[in-house]
Amino acid sequence: MKIFSVGIKNKTPYFTSRSRMGQDNTIKNYQENPFTSPIRSDVLPVDKSYLIQRFDFHTAEDKIKPEDRTYDSFTGLRDKNYLLKYLEVAMHEAQIENKPLSIAMFDMDDFKSINELLGYEIGDIFIKEISKCISNIAHAEHVNVYRFGGEEFVLIFDNQTDAQKAKIAREIVQGVRLNRTIQSYSALYTKNAQSRLDKSIYSTSKIQKISALETKKETIKEVIAGLNSDTAKNDPYFTIAQDTIDSQIRSSYLNLIQECLCREKDDNIRALLGNVRSKLLARMELLDSEQSALDEYLYSIYDKANEIYQTKKWIRDYDRNNGFGITCGVVNIEPESIEYKSPMDIVGIAGKVLKKGKNTQKAQVYTETIRI
């Protein structure tokens, strides 16, 4: 036996039928039901994918295929591939929800110095400790964390407020600063940095003076070459200037070579420097082979000068940060500017914000809201 009911909605009658015993719960439309009939696409086109995304906002993880959920074997965190897949979904949802897309990128300050002064094995320990610190704090706050590459890590925020984002970022920065394993290498880092400086046998100031004199010499040569031979020979100014510059360069070379001879242990290099010194004192021209060998040796001096500058910078930054630090850049990107951007574009923007922060304040959190 069946019970029939009649209803009128929007002045359109329709009939439904259901079983009294509940065995058939299927709604049967005896007349068109305006609430169950499809919308005519020729009247109002509907993007069905939009509707699906709209009501599945908090299931972004489910939209990533299992084969794309790849992990970094070294740290156990989600890797770059996973990040780009998730970020693609997050970008789409940010546009639908009309809210900023917020991500944070973390980077260990002067990580190259850690590898060079402490060794790559210690650098690996640093990366693992940083990943633990970031993942523990991020997971407690329900934020996804990814290892983008090297010592770079990325967080993607969801519904956190700006204050919560800054709090999470600051906790991570502070956590690395207080990490006992990382900071236990402080004394060894300082010792190795000082040892690297002590091994240098050249001063940066001497190299800069020689470079300046070489530049002056080349300038004089270019000016003389621009004149005809008779004018150059008959102009006493250029002759005097040329002799003065040559004398200054010779004197600077002699001082440098004498310093090198006092500390250089390689017999072949000592023989080269001794021969060059003798010829410079006698105002004799160097052979092409001697000049080439000397130039190659001087290039190594420039490299050593750069090492001195870089090492001093590492020590200065280390002292300023009171130990090893990590810098974070948090970027909020307006939703209307995300369209036509790829996930790598978004990561690149976060990287620029991070770099700006590293240039202004090491071991800190730098936040910026931008419109691309």
Protein backbone atom coordinates (compact mmCIF):
# COMPACT_ATOMS: atom_id res chain seq x y z
CA MET A 1 0.00 0.00 0.00
CA LYS A 2 1.37 3.44 -0.89
CA ILE A 3 0.68 6.87 0.43
CA PHE A 4 0.63 9.76 -2.04
CA SER A 5 1.41 13.34 -1.10
CA VAL A 6 0.90 16.45 -3.07
CA GLY A 7 3.01 19.60 -2.65
CA ILE A 8 3.12 22.97 -4.26
CA LYS A 9 6.40 24.89 -4.36
CA ASN A 10 6.85 27.92 -6.52
CA LYS A 11 3.31 27.22 -7.76
CA THR A 12 4.51 24.04 -9.48
CA PRO A 13 2.75 20.84 -8.36
CA TYR A 14 4.76 17.68 -8.05
CA PHE A 15 4.13 14.22 -6.64
CA THR A 16 6.44 11.91 -4.71
CA SER A 17 5.97 8.29 -3.77
CA ARG A 18 7.56 6.36 -0.95
CA SER A 19 7.06 2.94 0.57
CA ARG A 20 5.33 2.71 3.94
CA MET A 21 7.75 -0.05 5.01
CA GLY A 22 10.78 2.09 4.00
CA GLN A 23 12.00 -0.43 1.44
CA ASP A 24 11.93 2.04 -1.45
CA ASN A 25 13.17 5.49 -0.56
CA THR A 26 13.73 6.57 -4.14
CA ILE A 27 11.98 9.81 -5.06
CA LYS A 28 9.94 9.46 -8.21
CA ASN A 29 9.11 12.60 -10.08
CA TYR A 30 5.70 12.38 -11.65
CA GLN A 31 5.99 15.96 -12.70
CA GLU A 32 9.16 18.00 -13.09
CA ASN A 33 10.57 19.04 -9.74
CA PRO A 34 12.28 22.45 -10.05
CA PHE A 35 14.70 21.58 -7.24
CA THR A 36 16.04 18.37 -8.74
CA SER A 37 16.06 19.17 -12.45
CA PRO A 38 19.39 20.19 -14.01
CA ILE A 39 20.07 23.81 -14.91
CA ARG A 40 19.93 24.38 -18.63
CA SER A 41 23.47 25.07 -19.83
CA ASP A 42 22.25 27.26 -22.67
CA VAL A 43 20.63 29.64 -20.19
CA LEU A 44 23.21 29.73 -17.36
CA PRO A 45 26.49 27.86 -17.89
CA VAL A 46 27.84 26.39 -14.67
CA ASP A 47 31.46 25.48 -13.96
CA LYS A 48 30.93 22.23 -12.05
CA SER A 49 34.60 22.07 -10.98
CA TYR A 50 34.07 25.41 -9.25
CA LEU A 51 31.22 24.01 -7.18
CA ILE A 52 33.22 20.93 -6.21
CA GLN A 53 36.17 23.04 -5.11
CA ARG A 54 33.87 25.44 -3.31
CA PHE A 55 32.43 22.82 -1.00
CA ASP A 56 35.60 20.74 -0.56
CA PHE A 57 37.78 23.58 0.64
CA HIS A 58 39.28 21.73 3.60
CA THR A 59 40.13 18.55 1.71
CA ALA A 60 42.99 19.83 -0.43
CA GLU A 61 45.16 16.90 0.64
CA ASP A 62 42.61 14.47 -0.83
CA LYS A 63 42.87 16.11 -4.23
CA ILE A 64 46.52 15.18 -4.61
CA LYS A 65 47.10 11.83 -6.30
CA PRO A 66 48.87 9.21 -4.19
CA GLU A 67 51.74 8.99 -6.66
CA ASP A 68 52.36 12.73 -6.22
CA ARG A 69 52.64 12.47 -2.43
CA THR A 70 56.40 12.07 -2.40
CA TYR A 71 58.72 12.56 0.57
CA ASP A 72 62.31 13.64 1.09
CA SER A 73 64.31 10.56 2.07
CA PHE A 74 66.82 12.59 4.08
CA THR A 75 64.49 14.49 6.42
CA GLY A 76 61.22 12.56 6.02
CA LEU A 77 59.34 15.77 5.17
CA ARG A 78 57.16 16.34 2.12
CA ASP A 79 59.43 17.20 -0.78
CA LYS A 80 59.43 19.79 -3.57
CA ASN A 81 57.14 17.76 -5.84
CA TYR A 82 54.58 17.39 -3.05
CA LEU A 83 54.82 21.14 -2.33
CA LEU A 84 54.12 22.18 -5.91
CA LYS A 85 51.11 19.84 -6.17
CA TYR A 86 49.62 21.05 -2.91
CA LEU A 87 50.37 24.68 -3.72
CA GLU A 88 48.51 24.35 -7.02
CA VAL A 89 45.35 23.34 -5.13
CA ALA A 90 45.88 26.01 -2.45
CA MET A 91 46.19 28.71 -5.12
CA HIS A 92 42.89 27.67 -6.68
CA GLU A 93 41.10 27.58 -3.33
CA ALA A 94 42.50 30.96 -2.32
CA GLN A 95 40.87 32.49 -5.40
CA ILE A 96 37.56 30.75 -4.71
CA GLU A 97 37.50 31.73 -1.04
CA ASN A 98 38.78 35.22 -1.95
CA LYS A 99 41.43 35.24 0.75
CA PRO A 100 45.23 35.79 0.57
CA LEU A 101 47.51 32.87 -0.12
CA SER A 102 50.01 32.75 2.74
CA ILE A 103 53.27 30.83 2.69
CA ALA A 104 56.52 31.08 4.64
CA MET A 105 60.04 30.18 3.54
CA PHE A 106 62.86 29.45 5.99
CA ASP A 107 66.58 29.47 5.19
CA MET A 108 69.64 28.78 7.38
CA ASP A 109 71.84 31.87 7.54
CA ASP A 110 75.25 31.48 5.84
CA PHE A 111 74.83 27.73 5.47
CA LYS A 112 77.80 27.67 3.09
CA SER A 113 80.05 28.72 5.97
CA ILE A 114 78.83 25.76 8.03
CA ASN A 115 79.75 23.33 5.25
CA GLU A 116 83.15 24.94 4.66
CA LEU A 117 84.20 25.52 8.27
CA LEU A 118 82.59 22.50 9.93
CA GLY A 119 82.29 20.03 7.05
CA TYR A 120 79.39 18.63 5.06
CA GLU A 121 78.61 15.92 7.61
CA ILE A 122 77.97 18.58 10.25
CA GLY A 123 75.91 20.47 7.66
CA ASP A 124 73.71 17.37 7.30
CA ILE A 125 73.18 17.32 11.07
CA PHE A 126 72.10 20.96 10.95
CA ILE A 127 69.53 20.23 8.22
CA LYS A 128 68.04 17.32 10.17
CA GLU A 129 67.83 19.33 13.37
CA ILE A 130 66.20 22.26 11.57
CA SER A 131 63.66 19.95 9.91
CA LYS A 132 62.75 18.45 13.31
CA CYS A 133 62.31 21.89 14.86
CA ILE A 134 60.15 23.20 12.00
CA SER A 135 58.01 20.06 11.68
CA ASN A 136 57.32 19.80 15.44
CA ILE A 137 56.07 23.37 15.68
CA ALA A 138 54.24 23.30 12.33
CA HIS A 139 52.41 20.04 13.06
CA ALA A 140 51.33 21.31 16.46
CA GLU A 141 49.76 24.29 14.70
CA HIS A 142 48.27 22.13 11.88
CA VAL A 143 50.43 23.73 9.19
CA ASN A 144 51.93 21.74 6.32
CA VAL A 145 55.73 21.85 6.05
CA TYR A 146 57.89 20.94 3.04
CA ARG A 147 61.59 20.73 2.28
CA PHE A 148 62.05 22.76 -0.88
CA GLY A 149 65.75 21.96 -1.24
CA GLY A 150 69.04 22.25 0.62
CA GLU A 151 68.45 24.25 3.79
CA GLU A 152 65.21 25.82 2.50
CA PHE A 153 61.86 24.87 4.02
CA VAL A 154 58.35 26.05 3.12
CA LEU A 155 55.15 26.31 5.18
CA ILE A 156 51.67 26.79 3.68
CA PHE A 157 49.18 28.45 6.01
CA ASP A 158 45.42 27.83 5.92
CA ASN A 159 43.06 29.76 8.19
CA GLN A 160 45.60 31.26 10.58
CA THR A 161 45.45 34.96 11.34
CA ASP A 162 48.39 37.23 10.62
CA ALA A 163 49.25 37.22 14.32
CA GLN A 164 49.23 33.41 14.39
CA LYS A 165 51.43 33.20 11.29
CA ALA A 166 53.99 35.56 12.81
CA LYS A 167 53.86 33.62 16.09
CA ILE A 168 54.53 30.29 14.36
CA ALA A 169 57.40 31.77 12.35
CA ARG A 170 58.97 33.37 15.43
CA GLU A 171 58.71 30.12 17.39
CA ILE A 172 60.59 28.28 14.64
CA VAL A 173 63.32 30.96 14.44
CA GLN A 174 63.67 30.92 18.21
CA GLY A 175 63.62 27.12 18.30
CA VAL A 176 66.64 26.89 15.98
CA ARG A 177 68.47 29.52 18.03
CA LEU A 178 67.92 27.47 21.22
CA ASN A 179 68.62 24.07 19.66
CA ARG A 180 71.40 22.54 21.77
CA THR A 181 72.74 20.25 19.05
CA ILE A 182 73.12 23.12 16.57
CA GLN A 183 74.57 25.61 19.03
CA SER A 184 77.02 23.02 20.44
CA TYR A 185 79.18 23.58 17.35
CA SER A 186 79.62 27.29 18.12
CA ALA A 187 83.11 26.98 19.65
CA LEU A 188 84.37 24.75 16.81
CA TYR A 189 82.93 27.14 14.21
CA THR A 190 84.73 30.15 15.74
CA LYS A 191 88.00 28.21 16.05
CA ASN A 192 87.95 27.01 12.43
CA ALA A 193 87.03 30.46 11.13
CA GLN A 194 89.98 32.03 12.95
CA SER A 195 92.28 29.28 11.69
CA ARG A 196 91.18 29.99 8.13
CA LEU A 197 92.10 33.64 8.60
CA ASP A 198 95.48 32.81 10.17
CA LYS A 199 96.47 30.64 7.20
CA SER A 200 96.24 33.63 4.88
CA ILE A 201 99.59 35.15 3.93
CA TYR A 202 98.22 38.15 2.08
CA SER A 203 96.33 41.20 3.28
CA THR A 204 93.26 42.49 1.50
CA SER A 205 94.60 46.05 1.57
CA LYS A 206 97.72 45.09 -0.42
CA ILE A 207 95.63 43.36 -3.06
CA GLN A 208 93.36 46.38 -3.39
CA LYS A 209 96.38 48.69 -3.82
CA ILE A 210 97.87 46.49 -6.53
CA SER A 211 94.51 46.31 -8.29
CA ALA A 212 94.20 50.11 -8.20
CA LEU A 213 97.73 50.56 -9.58
CA GLU A 214 97.07 48.06 -12.36
CA THR A 215 93.95 50.02 -13.30
CA LYS A 216 95.91 53.28 -13.43
CA LYS A 217 98.57 51.65 -15.56
CA GLU A 218 96.01 50.37 -18.06
CA THR A 219 94.37 53.81 -18.19
CA ILE A 220 97.69 55.49 -19.00
CA LYS A 221 98.37 52.91 -21.72
CA GLU A 222 94.95 53.52 -23.29
CA VAL A 223 95.47 57.29 -23.31
CA ILE A 224 98.92 56.97 -24.88
CA ALA A 225 97.62 54.46 -27.43
CA GLY A 226 94.97 57.01 -28.42
CA LEU A 227 97.65 59.52 -29.41
CA ASN A 228 99.92 59.29 -32.44
CA SER A 229 103.46 58.15 -31.71
CA ASP A 230 105.09 61.57 -32.24
CA THR A 231 102.74 63.30 -29.81
CA ALA A 232 103.27 60.60 -27.17
CA LYS A 233 107.04 60.77 -27.44
CA ASN A 234 107.15 64.57 -27.31
CA ASP A 235 104.69 64.99 -24.43
CA PRO A 236 106.67 64.91 -21.15
CA TYR A 237 103.52 64.56 -19.01
CA PHE A 238 102.69 61.06 -20.23
CA THR A 239 106.32 59.95 -20.05
CA ILE A 240 106.64 61.07 -16.43
CA ALA A 241 103.25 59.62 -15.53
CA GLN A 242 104.14 56.29 -17.12
CA ASP A 243 107.46 56.09 -15.26
CA THR A 244 105.79 57.02 -11.96
CA ILE A 245 103.09 54.41 -12.29
CA ASP A 246 105.59 51.72 -13.32
CA SER A 247 107.74 52.57 -10.31
CA GLN A 248 104.79 52.38 -7.92
CA ILE A 249 103.64 49.04 -9.29
CA ARG A 250 107.17 47.62 -9.14
CA SER A 251 107.52 48.74 -5.53
CA SER A 252 104.18 47.20 -4.57
CA TYR A 253 105.07 43.94 -6.27
CA LEU A 254 108.41 43.84 -4.48
CA ASN A 255 106.75 44.32 -1.08
CA LEU A 256 104.21 41.60 -1.79
CA ILE A 257 106.78 39.16 -3.19
CA GLN A 258 109.03 39.73 -0.21
CA GLU A 259 106.14 38.91 2.14
CA CYS A 260 105.32 35.79 0.13
CA LEU A 261 108.94 34.61 0.21
CA CYS A 262 108.96 34.86 4.00
CA ARG A 263 106.00 32.49 4.35
CA GLU A 264 105.77 30.44 1.14
CA LYS A 265 106.79 26.78 1.60
CA ASP A 266 106.49 25.55 -1.99
CA ASP A 267 110.01 25.43 -3.51
CA ASN A 268 108.82 25.96 -7.08
CA ILE A 269 106.85 29.06 -6.12
CA ARG A 270 109.77 30.37 -4.05
CA ALA A 271 112.07 29.97 -7.06
CA LEU A 272 109.61 31.86 -9.29
CA LEU A 273 109.17 34.69 -6.76
CA GLY A 274 112.92 34.96 -6.18
CA ASN A 275 113.63 35.28 -9.90
CA VAL A 276 110.86 37.88 -10.36
CA ARG A 277 112.14 39.85 -7.37
CA SER A 278 115.68 39.93 -8.80
CA LYS A 279 114.49 41.16 -12.20
CA LEU A 280 112.25 43.82 -10.68
CA LEU A 281 115.15 45.14 -8.61
CA ALA A 282 117.33 45.23 -11.72
CA ARG A 283 114.49 46.84 -13.72
CA MET A 284 114.61 43.99 -16.21
CA GLU A 285 111.66 42.84 -18.30
CA LEU A 286 110.06 39.54 -17.34
CA LEU A 287 109.82 36.70 -19.86
CA ASP A 288 106.36 35.83 -21.09
CA SER A 289 106.47 32.53 -19.20
CA GLU A 290 107.53 34.31 -16.00
CA GLN A 291 104.83 36.93 -16.37
CA SER A 292 102.20 34.25 -17.00
CA ALA A 293 103.27 32.25 -13.93
CA LEU A 294 103.30 35.41 -11.80
CA ASP A 295 99.82 36.39 -13.03
CA GLU A 296 98.47 32.95 -12.19
CA TYR A 297 99.99 33.23 -8.73
CA LEU A 298 98.51 36.70 -8.24
CA TYR A 299 95.07 35.43 -9.24
CA SER A 300 95.33 33.01 -6.33
CA ILE A 301 96.07 36.04 -4.14
CA TYR A 302 92.81 37.66 -5.24
CA ASP A 303 90.98 34.43 -4.42
CA LYS A 304 92.62 34.35 -1.00
CA ALA A 305 91.63 37.97 -0.43
CA ASN A 306 88.02 37.05 -1.22
CA GLU A 307 88.27 34.19 1.28
CA ILE A 308 89.46 36.61 3.93
CA TYR A 309 86.60 38.99 3.23
CA GLN A 310 84.01 36.20 3.22
CA THR A 311 85.32 34.61 6.41
CA LYS A 312 85.33 37.94 8.24
CA LYS A 313 81.74 38.46 7.08
CA TRP A 314 80.72 35.02 8.38
CA ILE A 315 82.28 35.74 11.77
CA ARG A 316 80.64 39.17 11.92
CA ASP A 317 77.19 37.78 11.06
CA TYR A 318 77.65 34.91 13.50
CA ASP A 319 78.52 37.33 16.32
CA ARG A 320 75.61 39.61 15.43
CA ASN A 321 73.16 36.68 15.58
CA ASN A 322 74.65 35.35 18.84
CA GLY A 323 75.13 31.96 17.24
CA PHE A 324 73.59 30.07 14.33
CA GLY A 325 70.33 31.52 13.08
CA ILE A 326 67.57 30.95 10.57
CA THR A 327 65.65 33.66 8.71
CA CYS A 328 61.99 33.47 7.66
CA GLY A 329 60.05 35.35 5.01
CA VAL A 330 56.24 35.26 5.28
CA VAL A 331 54.35 36.46 2.22
CA ASN A 332 50.61 37.11 1.88
CA ILE A 333 49.62 37.24 -1.78
CA GLU A 334 46.32 38.89 -2.73
CA PRO A 335 43.97 36.35 -4.38
CA GLU A 336 43.16 38.44 -7.46
CA SER A 337 46.84 38.50 -8.40
CA ILE A 338 47.37 34.72 -8.24
CA GLU A 339 45.63 34.00 -11.54
CA TYR A 340 47.91 32.91 -14.38
CA LYS A 341 50.74 32.22 -11.94
CA SER A 342 52.38 28.84 -11.52
CA PRO A 343 53.29 27.25 -8.16
CA MET A 344 56.97 27.91 -8.90
CA ASP A 345 56.12 31.60 -9.42
CA ILE A 346 54.64 31.69 -5.92
CA VAL A 347 57.69 29.99 -4.41
CA GLY A 348 59.89 32.45 -6.28
CA ILE A 349 57.97 35.38 -4.80
CA ALA A 350 58.38 33.90 -1.31
CA GLY A 351 62.09 33.53 -2.01
CA LYS A 352 62.38 37.21 -2.90
CA VAL A 353 60.65 38.20 0.33
CA LEU A 354 63.02 35.90 2.24
CA LYS A 355 66.06 37.44 0.52
CA LYS A 356 64.83 40.92 1.36
CA GLY A 357 64.52 39.86 4.97
CA LYS A 358 68.01 38.33 5.01
CA ASN A 359 69.45 41.57 3.65
CA THR A 360 67.83 43.64 6.38
CA GLN A 361 67.66 41.47 9.47
CA LYS A 362 69.36 38.12 9.90
CA ALA A 363 67.81 35.40 12.09
CA GLN A 364 64.47 37.20 12.13
CA VAL A 365 60.96 36.99 10.64
CA TYR A 366 60.22 39.26 7.71
CA THR A 367 56.54 39.64 6.66
CA GLU A 368 55.16 41.29 3.56
CA THR A 369 51.75 41.51 1.88
CA ILE A 370 52.00 42.02 -1.87
CA ARG A 371 50.00 42.17 -5.05
CA ILE A 372 51.88 40.58 -7.94
